[in-house]
PDB file of N, CA and C in Angstrom:
ATOM      1  N   MET A   1      81.373 -36.712 -18.970  1.00  0.00           N
ATOM      2  CA  MET A   1      82.267 -35.590 -18.821  1.00  0.00           C
ATOM      3  C   MET A   1      82.203 -35.076 -17.394  1.00  0.00           C
ATOM      4  N   ASP A   2      83.353 -34.705 -16.872  1.00  0.00           N
ATOM      5  CA  ASP A   2      83.408 -34.123 -15.533  1.00  0.00           C
ATOM      6  C   ASP A   2      82.785 -32.746 -15.544  1.00  0.00           C
ATOM      7  N   ARG A   3      82.182 -32.412 -14.409  1.00  0.00           N
ATOM      8  CA  ARG A   3      81.638 -31.068 -14.243  1.00  0.00           C
ATOM      9  C   ARG A   3      82.565 -30.316 -13.311  1.00  0.00           C
ATOM     10  N   ASN A   4      83.156 -29.270 -13.822  1.00  0.00           N
ATOM     11  CA  ASN A   4      84.098 -28.484 -13.050  1.00  0.00           C
ATOM     12  C   ASN A   4      83.592 -27.040 -13.038  1.00  0.00           C
ATOM     13  N   VAL A   5      82.769 -26.736 -12.040  1.00  0.00           N
ATOM     14  CA  VAL A   5      82.138 -25.424 -11.952  1.00  0.00           C
ATOM     15  C   VAL A   5      83.190 -24.335 -11.757  1.00  0.00           C
ATOM     16  N   ASN A   6      84.209 -24.621 -10.967  1.00  0.00           N
ATOM     17  CA  ASN A   6      85.273 -23.649 -10.747  1.00  0.00           C
ATOM     18  C   ASN A   6      85.955 -23.291 -12.063  1.00  0.00           C
ATOM     19  N   PHE A   7      86.257 -24.296 -12.881  1.00  0.00           N
ATOM     20  CA  PHE A   7      86.876 -24.029 -14.181  1.00  0.00           C
ATOM     21  C   PHE A   7      85.938 -23.217 -15.064  1.00  0.00           C
ATOM     22  N   LEU A   8      84.654 -23.555 -15.079  1.00  0.00           N
ATOM     23  CA  LEU A   8      83.687 -22.821 -15.892  1.00  0.00           C
ATOM     24  C   LEU A   8      83.645 -21.350 -15.474  1.00  0.00           C
ATOM     25  N   ASP A   9      83.616 -21.091 -14.181  1.00  0.00           N
ATOM     26  CA  ASP A   9      83.622 -19.706 -13.689  1.00  0.00           C
ATOM     27  C   ASP A   9      84.863 -18.970 -14.158  1.00  0.00           C
ATOM     28  N   ARG A  10      86.007 -19.615 -14.030  1.00  0.00           N
ATOM     29  CA  ARG A  10      87.268 -18.972 -14.431  1.00  0.00           C
ATOM     30  C   ARG A  10      87.352 -18.785 -15.940  1.00  0.00           C
ATOM     31  N   LEU A  11      86.818 -19.740 -16.693  1.00  0.00           N
ATOM     32  CA  LEU A  11      86.816 -19.621 -18.148  1.00  0.00           C
ATOM     33  C   LEU A  11      85.959 -18.429 -18.584  1.00  0.00           C
ATOM     34  N   VAL A  12      84.800 -18.258 -17.976  1.00  0.00           N
ATOM     35  CA  VAL A  12      83.934 -17.131 -18.310  1.00  0.00           C
ATOM     36  C   VAL A  12      84.633 -15.812 -17.979  1.00  0.00           C
ATOM     37  N   LEU A  13      85.296 -15.751 -16.827  1.00  0.00           N
ATOM     38  CA  LEU A  13      86.046 -14.539 -16.471  1.00  0.00           C
ATOM     39  C   LEU A  13      87.181 -14.286 -17.459  1.00  0.00           C
ATOM     40  N   PHE A  14      87.858 -15.354 -17.863  1.00  0.00           N
ATOM     41  CA  PHE A  14      88.926 -15.241 -18.852  1.00  0.00           C
ATOM     42  C   PHE A  14      88.382 -14.708 -20.175  1.00  0.00           C
ATOM     43  N   LEU A  15      87.250 -15.252 -20.616  1.00  0.00           N
ATOM     44  CA  LEU A  15      86.645 -14.806 -21.872  1.00  0.00           C
ATOM     45  C   LEU A  15      86.201 -13.350 -21.769  1.00  0.00           C
ATOM     46  N   GLU A  16      85.700 -12.960 -20.602  1.00  0.00           N
ATOM     47  CA  GLU A  16      85.284 -11.566 -20.402  1.00  0.00           C
ATOM     48  C   GLU A  16      86.484 -10.643 -20.535  1.00  0.00           C
ATOM     49  N   ASP A  17      87.593 -11.065 -19.986  1.00  0.00           N
ATOM     50  CA  ASP A  17      88.806 -10.246 -20.007  1.00  0.00           C
ATOM     51  C   ASP A  17      89.478 -10.256 -21.378  1.00  0.00           C
ATOM     52  N   ASN A  18      89.221 -11.273 -22.184  1.00  0.00           N
ATOM     53  CA  ASN A  18      89.887 -11.425 -23.486  1.00  0.00           C
ATOM     54  C   ASN A  18      88.909 -11.409 -24.654  1.00  0.00           C
ATOM     55  N   THR A  19      87.766 -10.762 -24.476  1.00  0.00           N
ATOM     56  CA  THR A  19      86.774 -10.686 -25.544  1.00  0.00           C
ATOM     57  C   THR A  19      87.393 -10.089 -26.800  1.00  0.00           C
ATOM     58  N   GLY A  20      87.223 -10.777 -27.907  1.00  0.00           N
ATOM     59  CA  GLY A  20      87.721 -10.296 -29.184  1.00  0.00           C
ATOM     60  C   GLY A  20      89.170 -10.655 -29.481  1.00  0.00           C
ATOM     61  N   SER A  21      89.842 -11.302 -28.544  1.00  0.00           N
ATOM     62  CA  SER A  21      91.224 -11.727 -28.769  1.00  0.00           C
ATOM     63  C   SER A  21      91.236 -13.093 -29.430  1.00  0.00           C
ATOM     64  N   MET A  22      92.278 -13.347 -30.204  1.00  0.00           N
ATOM     65  CA  MET A  22      92.439 -14.662 -30.814  1.00  0.00           C
ATOM     66  C   MET A  22      92.770 -15.668 -29.724  1.00  0.00           C
ATOM     67  N   LEU A  23      91.993 -16.728 -29.651  1.00  0.00           N
ATOM     68  CA  LEU A  23      92.175 -17.751 -28.623  1.00  0.00           C
ATOM     69  C   LEU A  23      92.124 -19.129 -29.247  1.00  0.00           C
ATOM     70  N   THR A  24      92.817 -20.066 -28.617  1.00  0.00           N
ATOM     71  CA  THR A  24      92.668 -21.467 -28.961  1.00  0.00           C
ATOM     72  C   THR A  24      92.534 -22.248 -27.660  1.00  0.00           C
ATOM     73  N   ALA A  25      91.853 -23.363 -27.737  1.00  0.00           N
ATOM     74  CA  ALA A  25      91.712 -24.216 -26.559  1.00  0.00           C
ATOM     75  C   ALA A  25      93.082 -24.698 -26.087  1.00  0.00           C
ATOM     76  N   LYS A  26      93.982 -24.949 -27.019  1.00  0.00           N
ATOM     77  CA  LYS A  26      95.325 -25.408 -26.655  1.00  0.00           C
ATOM     78  C   LYS A  26      96.080 -24.331 -25.876  1.00  0.00           C
ATOM     79  N   ASN A  27      95.993 -23.088 -26.313  1.00  0.00           N
ATOM     80  CA  ASN A  27      96.653 -22.007 -25.589  1.00  0.00           C
ATOM     81  C   ASN A  27      96.116 -21.879 -24.171  1.00  0.00           C
ATOM     82  N   ILE A  28      94.805 -21.991 -24.019  1.00  0.00           N
ATOM     83  CA  ILE A  28      94.194 -21.907 -22.691  1.00  0.00           C
ATOM     84  C   ILE A  28      94.672 -23.073 -21.838  1.00  0.00           C
ATOM     85  N   SER A  29      94.646 -24.283 -22.395  1.00  0.00           N
ATOM     86  CA  SER A  29      95.084 -25.471 -21.662  1.00  0.00           C
ATOM     87  C   SER A  29      96.559 -25.377 -21.279  1.00  0.00           C
ATOM     88  N   ASP A  30      97.398 -24.915 -22.209  1.00  0.00           N
ATOM     89  CA  ASP A  30      98.832 -24.772 -21.926  1.00  0.00           C
ATOM     90  C   ASP A  30      99.079 -23.758 -20.814  1.00  0.00           C
ATOM     91  N   PHE A  31      98.357 -22.640 -20.846  1.00  0.00           N
ATOM     92  CA  PHE A  31      98.510 -21.643 -19.797  1.00  0.00           C
ATOM     93  C   PHE A  31      98.123 -22.231 -18.443  1.00  0.00           C
ATOM     94  N   LEU A  32      97.018 -22.960 -18.411  1.00  0.00           N
ATOM     95  CA  LEU A  32      96.573 -23.558 -17.150  1.00  0.00           C
ATOM     96  C   LEU A  32      97.594 -24.554 -16.625  1.00  0.00           C
ATOM     97  N   LYS A  33      98.197 -25.324 -17.524  1.00  0.00           N
ATOM     98  CA  LYS A  33      99.230 -26.276 -17.108  1.00  0.00           C
ATOM     99  C   LYS A  33     100.426 -25.543 -16.510  1.00  0.00           C
ATOM    100  N   SER A  34     100.763 -24.374 -17.060  1.00  0.00           N
ATOM    101  CA  SER A  34     101.864 -23.591 -16.492  1.00  0.00           C
ATOM    102  C   SER A  34     101.515 -23.069 -15.102  1.00  0.00           C
ATOM    103  N   GLN A  35     100.214 -23.025 -14.798  1.00  0.00           N
ATOM    104  CA  GLN A  35      99.744 -22.593 -13.479  1.00  0.00           C
ATOM    105  C   GLN A  35      99.442 -23.789 -12.565  1.00  0.00           C
ATOM    106  N   LYS A  36      99.904 -24.976 -12.995  1.00  0.00           N
ATOM    107  CA  LYS A  36      99.720 -26.224 -12.237  1.00  0.00           C
ATOM    108  C   LYS A  36      98.257 -26.673 -12.156  1.00  0.00           C
ATOM    109  N   VAL A  37      97.482 -26.336 -13.188  1.00  0.00           N
ATOM    110  CA  VAL A  37      96.091 -26.780 -13.285  1.00  0.00           C
ATOM    111  C   VAL A  37      95.997 -27.645 -14.524  1.00  0.00           C
ATOM    112  N   SER A  38      95.618 -28.890 -14.349  1.00  0.00           N
ATOM    113  CA  SER A  38      95.573 -29.827 -15.465  1.00  0.00           C
ATOM    114  C   SER A  38      94.160 -29.901 -16.053  1.00  0.00           C
ATOM    115  N   ILE A  39      93.981 -29.233 -17.178  1.00  0.00           N
ATOM    116  CA  ILE A  39      92.722 -29.274 -17.928  1.00  0.00           C
ATOM    117  C   ILE A  39      93.100 -29.603 -19.370  1.00  0.00           C
ATOM    118  N   SER A  40      92.515 -30.659 -19.916  1.00  0.00           N
ATOM    119  CA  SER A  40      92.874 -31.073 -21.281  1.00  0.00           C
ATOM    120  C   SER A  40      92.295 -30.112 -22.320  1.00  0.00           C
ATOM    121  N   VAL A  41      92.896 -30.155 -23.489  1.00  0.00           N
ATOM    122  CA  VAL A  41      92.421 -29.341 -24.612  1.00  0.00           C
ATOM    123  C   VAL A  41      90.982 -29.709 -24.942  1.00  0.00           C
ATOM    124  N   ASN A  42      90.671 -30.998 -24.913  1.00  0.00           N
ATOM    125  CA  ASN A  42      89.300 -31.437 -25.210  1.00  0.00           C
ATOM    126  C   ASN A  42      88.300 -30.896 -24.208  1.00  0.00           C
ATOM    127  N   THR A  43      88.685 -30.828 -22.942  1.00  0.00           N
ATOM    128  CA  THR A  43      87.793 -30.284 -21.919  1.00  0.00           C
ATOM    129  C   THR A  43      87.540 -28.804 -22.177  1.00  0.00           C
ATOM    130  N   VAL A  44      88.587 -28.064 -22.491  1.00  0.00           N
ATOM    131  CA  VAL A  44      88.433 -26.633 -22.803  1.00  0.00           C
ATOM    132  C   VAL A  44      87.516 -26.473 -24.013  1.00  0.00           C
ATOM    133  N   MET A  45      87.742 -27.286 -25.049  1.00  0.00           N
ATOM    134  CA  MET A  45      86.905 -27.222 -26.247  1.00  0.00           C
ATOM    135  C   MET A  45      85.451 -27.526 -25.924  1.00  0.00           C
ATOM    136  N   ASN A  46      85.225 -28.529 -25.078  1.00  0.00           N
ATOM    137  CA  ASN A  46      83.855 -28.877 -24.699  1.00  0.00           C
ATOM    138  C   ASN A  46      83.170 -27.731 -23.955  1.00  0.00           C
ATOM    139  N   TYR A  47      83.862 -27.125 -23.019  1.00  0.00           N
ATOM    140  CA  TYR A  47      83.271 -26.020 -22.261  1.00  0.00           C
ATOM    141  C   TYR A  47      82.982 -24.828 -23.178  1.00  0.00           C
ATOM    142  N   LEU A  48      83.899 -24.517 -24.091  1.00  0.00           N
ATOM    143  CA  LEU A  48      83.652 -23.430 -25.036  1.00  0.00           C
ATOM    144  C   LEU A  48      82.455 -23.747 -25.924  1.00  0.00           C
ATOM    145  N   LYS A  49      82.328 -25.008 -26.338  1.00  0.00           N
ATOM    146  CA  LYS A  49      81.186 -25.414 -27.161  1.00  0.00           C
ATOM    147  C   LYS A  49      79.884 -25.304 -26.382  1.00  0.00           C
ATOM    148  N   PHE A  50      79.904 -25.721 -25.116  1.00  0.00           N
ATOM    149  CA  PHE A  50      78.695 -25.622 -24.290  1.00  0.00           C
ATOM    150  C   PHE A  50      78.269 -24.169 -24.116  1.00  0.00           C
ATOM    151  N   LEU A  51      79.232 -23.286 -23.879  1.00  0.00           N
ATOM    152  CA  LEU A  51      78.912 -21.859 -23.729  1.00  0.00           C
ATOM    153  C   LEU A  51      78.375 -21.285 -25.033  1.00  0.00           C
ATOM    154  N   SER A  52      78.925 -21.731 -26.143  1.00  0.00           N
ATOM    155  CA  SER A  52      78.464 -21.268 -27.453  1.00  0.00           C
ATOM    156  C   SER A  52      77.079 -21.836 -27.780  1.00  0.00           C
ATOM    157  N   ASP A  53      76.885 -23.122 -27.519  1.00  0.00           N
ATOM    158  CA  ASP A  53      75.590 -23.764 -27.796  1.00  0.00           C
ATOM    159  C   ASP A  53      74.464 -23.184 -26.950  1.00  0.00           C
ATOM    160  N   SER A  54      74.799 -22.662 -25.769  1.00  0.00           N
ATOM    161  CA  SER A  54      73.784 -22.076 -24.891  1.00  0.00           C
ATOM    162  C   SER A  54      73.561 -20.590 -25.199  1.00  0.00           C
ATOM    163  N   PHE A  55      74.212 -20.096 -26.256  1.00  0.00           N
ATOM    164  CA  PHE A  55      74.110 -18.699 -26.689  1.00  0.00           C
ATOM    165  C   PHE A  55      74.614 -17.723 -25.633  1.00  0.00           C
ATOM    166  N   PHE A  56      75.540 -18.164 -24.805  1.00  0.00           N
ATOM    167  CA  PHE A  56      76.182 -17.291 -23.824  1.00  0.00           C
ATOM    168  C   PHE A  56      77.315 -16.524 -24.489  1.00  0.00           C
ATOM    169  N   ILE A  57      78.060 -17.226 -25.362  1.00  0.00           N
ATOM    170  CA  ILE A  57      79.122 -16.596 -26.139  1.00  0.00           C
ATOM    171  C   ILE A  57      78.904 -16.920 -27.609  1.00  0.00           C
ATOM    172  N   ASN A  58      79.544 -16.141 -28.457  1.00  0.00           N
ATOM    173  CA  ASN A  58      79.471 -16.351 -29.894  1.00  0.00           C
ATOM    174  C   ASN A  58      80.886 -16.561 -30.411  1.00  0.00           C
ATOM    175  N   LYS A  59      81.102 -17.668 -31.080  1.00  0.00           N
ATOM    176  CA  LYS A  59      82.424 -17.989 -31.630  1.00  0.00           C
ATOM    177  C   LYS A  59      82.511 -17.479 -33.066  1.00  0.00           C
ATOM    178  N   ILE A  60      83.560 -16.712 -33.332  1.00  0.00           N
ATOM    179  CA  ILE A  60      83.822 -16.220 -34.677  1.00  0.00           C
ATOM    180  C   ILE A  60      85.137 -16.842 -35.130  1.00  0.00           C
ATOM    181  N   SER A  61      85.085 -17.621 -36.185  1.00  0.00           N
ATOM    182  CA  SER A  61      86.290 -18.275 -36.695  1.00  0.00           C
ATOM    183  C   SER A  61      87.075 -17.319 -37.574  1.00  0.00           C
ATOM    184  N   SER A  62      88.377 -17.482 -37.545  1.00  0.00           N
ATOM    185  CA  SER A  62      89.277 -16.673 -38.359  1.00  0.00           C
ATOM    186  C   SER A  62      89.472 -17.368 -39.694  1.00  0.00           C
ATOM    187  N   TYR A  63      89.385 -16.618 -40.750  1.00  0.00           N
ATOM    188  CA  TYR A  63      89.588 -17.185 -42.077  1.00  0.00           C
ATOM    189  C   TYR A  63      90.714 -16.438 -42.768  1.00  0.00           C
ATOM    190  N   ASP A  64      91.681 -17.177 -43.271  1.00  0.00           N
ATOM    191  CA  ASP A  64      92.792 -16.613 -44.026  1.00  0.00           C
ATOM    192  C   ASP A  64      93.109 -17.616 -45.118  1.00  0.00           C
ATOM    193  N   ILE A  65      92.908 -17.224 -46.347  1.00  0.00           N
ATOM    194  CA  ILE A  65      93.065 -18.179 -47.445  1.00  0.00           C
ATOM    195  C   ILE A  65      94.463 -18.183 -48.033  1.00  0.00           C
ATOM    196  N   ILE A  66      95.397 -17.495 -47.394  1.00  0.00           N
ATOM    197  CA  ILE A  66      96.763 -17.457 -47.905  1.00  0.00           C
ATOM    198  C   ILE A  66      97.549 -18.635 -47.346  1.00  0.00           C
ATOM    199  N   GLY A  67      98.005 -19.485 -48.218  1.00  0.00           N
ATOM    200  CA  GLY A  67      98.853 -20.606 -47.816  1.00  0.00           C
ATOM    201  C   GLY A  67      98.181 -21.542 -46.827  1.00  0.00           C
ATOM    202  N   LYS A  68      98.962 -22.016 -45.877  1.00  0.00           N
ATOM    203  CA  LYS A  68      98.483 -22.992 -44.899  1.00  0.00           C
ATOM    204  C   LYS A  68      97.723 -22.353 -43.754  1.00  0.00           C
ATOM    205  N   LYS A  69      97.638 -21.037 -43.717  1.00  0.00           N
ATOM    206  CA  LYS A  69      96.949 -20.365 -42.622  1.00  0.00           C
ATOM    207  C   LYS A  69      95.471 -20.736 -42.559  1.00  0.00           C
ATOM    208  N   ILE A  70      94.932 -21.246 -43.665  1.00  0.00           N
ATOM    209  CA  ILE A  70      93.533 -21.657 -43.667  1.00  0.00           C
ATOM    210  C   ILE A  70      93.304 -22.805 -42.678  1.00  0.00           C
ATOM    211  N   PHE A  71      94.372 -23.551 -42.359  1.00  0.00           N
ATOM    212  CA  PHE A  71      94.250 -24.680 -41.447  1.00  0.00           C
ATOM    213  C   PHE A  71      94.461 -24.293 -39.981  1.00  0.00           C
ATOM    214  N   GLU A  72      94.877 -23.058 -39.717  1.00  0.00           N
ATOM    215  CA  GLU A  72      95.072 -22.631 -38.337  1.00  0.00           C
ATOM    216  C   GLU A  72      93.718 -22.474 -37.652  1.00  0.00           C
ATOM    217  N   ILE A  73      93.664 -22.866 -36.408  1.00  0.00           N
ATOM    218  CA  ILE A  73      92.429 -22.760 -35.645  1.00  0.00           C
ATOM    219  C   ILE A  73      92.602 -21.627 -34.651  1.00  0.00           C
ATOM    220  N   ASN A  74      92.173 -20.466 -35.040  1.00  0.00           N
ATOM    221  CA  ASN A  74      92.164 -19.301 -34.176  1.00  0.00           C
ATOM    222  C   ASN A  74      90.744 -18.766 -34.175  1.00  0.00           C
ATOM    223  N   GLU A  75      90.220 -18.553 -33.008  1.00  0.00           N
ATOM    224  CA  GLU A  75      88.853 -18.091 -32.910  1.00  0.00           C
ATOM    225  C   GLU A  75      88.790 -16.908 -31.964  1.00  0.00           C
ATOM    226  N   LYS A  76      87.777 -16.094 -32.175  1.00  0.00           N
ATOM    227  CA  LYS A  76      87.483 -15.005 -31.269  1.00  0.00           C
ATOM    228  C   LYS A  76      86.129 -15.304 -30.646  1.00  0.00           C
ATOM    229  N   TYR A  77      85.993 -14.951 -29.394  1.00  0.00           N
ATOM    230  CA  TYR A  77      84.736 -15.173 -28.691  1.00  0.00           C
ATOM    231  C   TYR A  77      84.193 -13.843 -28.201  1.00  0.00           C
ATOM    232  N   TYR A  78      82.899 -13.660 -28.403  1.00  0.00           N
ATOM    233  CA  TYR A  78      82.200 -12.470 -27.948  1.00  0.00           C
ATOM    234  C   TYR A  78      80.988 -12.914 -27.129  1.00  0.00           C
ATOM    235  N   PHE A  79      80.618 -12.126 -26.157  1.00  0.00           N
ATOM    236  CA  PHE A  79      79.424 -12.426 -25.386  1.00  0.00           C
ATOM    237  C   PHE A  79      78.200 -12.058 -26.211  1.00  0.00           C
ATOM    238  N   GLU A  80      77.195 -12.914 -26.182  1.00  0.00           N
ATOM    239  CA  GLU A  80      75.957 -12.648 -26.907  1.00  0.00           C
ATOM    240  C   GLU A  80      75.237 -11.439 -26.311  1.00  0.00           C
ATOM    241  N   ASP A  81      75.335 -11.258 -25.012  1.00  0.00           N
ATOM    242  CA  ASP A  81      74.666 -10.170 -24.312  1.00  0.00           C
ATOM    243  C   ASP A  81      75.733  -9.328 -23.619  1.00  0.00           C
ATOM    244  N   THR A  82      75.959  -8.116 -24.107  1.00  0.00           N
ATOM    245  CA  THR A  82      76.998  -7.280 -23.507  1.00  0.00           C
ATOM    246  C   THR A  82      76.649  -6.883 -22.073  1.00  0.00           C
ATOM    247  N   GLY A  83      75.375  -6.918 -21.735  1.00  0.00           N
ATOM    248  CA  GLY A  83      74.966  -6.649 -20.355  1.00  0.00           C
ATOM    249  C   GLY A  83      75.516  -7.711 -19.408  1.00  0.00           C
ATOM    250  N   LEU A  84      75.476  -8.979 -19.849  1.00  0.00           N
ATOM    251  CA  LEU A  84      76.048 -10.054 -19.033  1.00  0.00           C
ATOM    252  C   LEU A  84      77.566  -9.875 -18.910  1.00  0.00           C
ATOM    253  N   ARG A  85      78.198  -9.534 -20.005  1.00  0.00           N
ATOM    254  CA  ARG A  85      79.649  -9.317 -19.967  1.00  0.00           C
ATOM    255  C   ARG A  85      79.987  -8.191 -19.002  1.00  0.00           C
ATOM    256  N   ASN A  86      79.260  -7.107 -19.058  1.00  0.00           N
ATOM    257  CA  ASN A  86      79.515  -5.986 -18.164  1.00  0.00           C
ATOM    258  C   ASN A  86      79.242  -6.346 -16.716  1.00  0.00           C
ATOM    259  N   ALA A  87      78.212  -7.149 -16.476  1.00  0.00           N
ATOM    260  CA  ALA A  87      77.898  -7.570 -15.108  1.00  0.00           C
ATOM    261  C   ALA A  87      79.004  -8.464 -14.555  1.00  0.00           C
ATOM    262  N   ILE A  88      79.555  -9.332 -15.387  1.00  0.00           N
ATOM    263  CA  ILE A  88      80.636 -10.222 -14.952  1.00  0.00           C
ATOM    264  C   ILE A  88      81.885  -9.415 -14.671  1.00  0.00           C
ATOM    265  N   GLY A  89      82.157  -8.425 -15.498  1.00  0.00           N
ATOM    266  CA  GLY A  89      83.364  -7.620 -15.367  1.00  0.00           C
ATOM    267  C   GLY A  89      83.305  -6.573 -14.273  1.00  0.00           C
ATOM    268  N   SER A  90      82.156  -6.398 -13.649  1.00  0.00           N
ATOM    269  CA  SER A  90      82.029  -5.346 -12.635  1.00  0.00           C
ATOM    270  C   SER A  90      82.507  -5.765 -11.268  1.00  0.00           C
ATOM    271  N   ASP A  91      82.953  -7.013 -11.124  1.00  0.00           N
ATOM    272  CA  ASP A  91      83.411  -7.484  -9.805  1.00  0.00           C
ATOM    273  C   ASP A  91      84.671  -6.793  -9.379  1.00  0.00           C
TER     274      ASP A  91
END
Protein backbone atom coordinates (compact mmCIF):
# COMPACT_ATOMS: atom_id res chain seq x y z
CA MET A 1 0.00 0.00 0.00
CA ASP A 2 1.17 3.51 -0.78
CA ARG A 3 1.96 5.79 2.10
CA ASN A 4 0.43 9.19 1.59
CA VAL A 5 1.19 11.29 4.66
CA ASN A 6 -0.41 14.38 3.14
CA PHE A 7 -3.68 12.50 2.60
CA LEU A 8 -3.55 11.10 6.15
CA ASP A 9 -3.10 14.61 7.57
CA ARG A 10 -6.01 15.93 5.52
CA LEU A 11 -8.20 12.95 6.41
CA VAL A 12 -7.61 13.53 10.13
CA LEU A 13 -8.48 17.23 9.71
CA PHE A 14 -11.59 16.24 7.76
CA LEU A 15 -12.64 13.81 10.49
CA GLU A 16 -12.03 16.48 13.14
CA ASP A 17 -14.26 18.88 11.25
CA ASN A 18 -16.96 16.23 10.61
CA THR A 19 -16.95 14.32 13.91
CA GLY A 20 -20.28 12.60 14.38
CA SER A 21 -21.44 13.13 10.80
CA MET A 22 -22.50 10.25 8.60
CA LEU A 23 -19.59 9.44 6.31
CA THR A 24 -18.70 6.86 3.71
CA ALA A 25 -15.36 6.18 2.09
CA LYS A 26 -17.05 6.58 -1.30
CA ASN A 27 -18.33 10.05 -0.43
CA ILE A 28 -14.86 11.10 0.70
CA SER A 29 -13.26 9.64 -2.44
CA ASP A 30 -15.87 11.27 -4.71
CA PHE A 31 -15.33 14.66 -3.07
CA LEU A 32 -11.57 14.35 -3.51
CA LYS A 33 -12.03 13.46 -7.18
CA SER A 34 -14.12 16.62 -7.61
CA GLN A 35 -11.09 18.48 -6.20
CA LYS A 36 -8.80 16.78 -8.76
CA VAL A 37 -7.26 14.45 -6.15
CA SER A 38 -7.39 10.79 -7.11
CA ILE A 39 -7.75 8.59 -4.02
CA SER A 40 -9.59 5.27 -4.39
CA VAL A 41 -12.40 4.17 -2.12
CA ASN A 42 -10.25 1.25 -0.97
CA THR A 43 -7.44 3.60 0.02
CA VAL A 44 -9.83 5.76 2.04
CA MET A 45 -11.23 2.62 3.69
CA ASN A 46 -7.73 1.40 4.52
CA TYR A 47 -6.72 4.70 6.10
CA LEU A 48 -9.93 4.83 8.15
CA LYS A 49 -9.31 1.25 9.28
CA PHE A 50 -5.72 2.06 10.25
CA LEU A 51 -6.87 5.07 12.29
CA SER A 52 -9.54 2.93 13.95
CA ASP A 53 -7.19 -0.01 14.61
CA SER A 54 -4.69 2.36 16.24
CA PHE A 55 -7.46 3.64 18.57
CA PHE A 56 -7.11 7.16 17.18
CA ILE A 57 -10.74 7.20 16.03
CA ASN A 58 -13.76 5.09 16.89
CA LYS A 59 -16.09 3.91 14.14
CA ILE A 60 -19.77 3.67 14.99
CA SER A 61 -21.87 1.85 12.40
CA SER A 62 -25.40 2.94 11.62
CA TYR A 63 -28.08 0.32 12.03
CA ASP A 64 -31.55 0.60 10.52
CA ILE A 65 -33.59 -2.55 10.22
CA ILE A 66 -36.32 -1.05 8.06
CA GLY A 67 -36.25 -2.40 4.53
CA LYS A 68 -33.01 -2.30 2.57
CA LYS A 69 -31.48 0.40 4.75
CA ILE A 70 -29.79 -2.35 6.74
CA PHE A 71 -27.44 -2.75 3.76
CA GLU A 72 -26.43 0.93 3.62
CA ILE A 73 -22.92 1.62 4.81
CA ASN A 74 -23.02 4.83 6.78
CA GLU A 75 -20.66 5.30 9.65
CA LYS A 76 -19.86 7.97 12.16
CA TYR A 77 -16.35 8.53 13.43
CA TYR A 78 -15.39 9.95 16.79
CA PHE A 79 -11.95 10.64 18.21
CA GLU A 80 -10.99 8.29 21.03
CA ASP A 81 -9.31 11.18 22.86
CA THR A 82 -11.16 14.50 22.73
CA GLY A 83 -7.95 16.22 23.81
CA LEU A 84 -6.31 15.12 20.55
CA ARG A 85 -9.34 16.30 18.59
CA ASN A 86 -9.22 19.68 20.30
CA ALA A 87 -5.47 19.98 19.72
CA ILE A 88 -5.92 19.23 16.01
CA GLY A 89 -8.78 21.71 15.72
CA SER A 90 -6.90 24.54 17.42
CA ASP A 91 -4.82 25.37 14.34
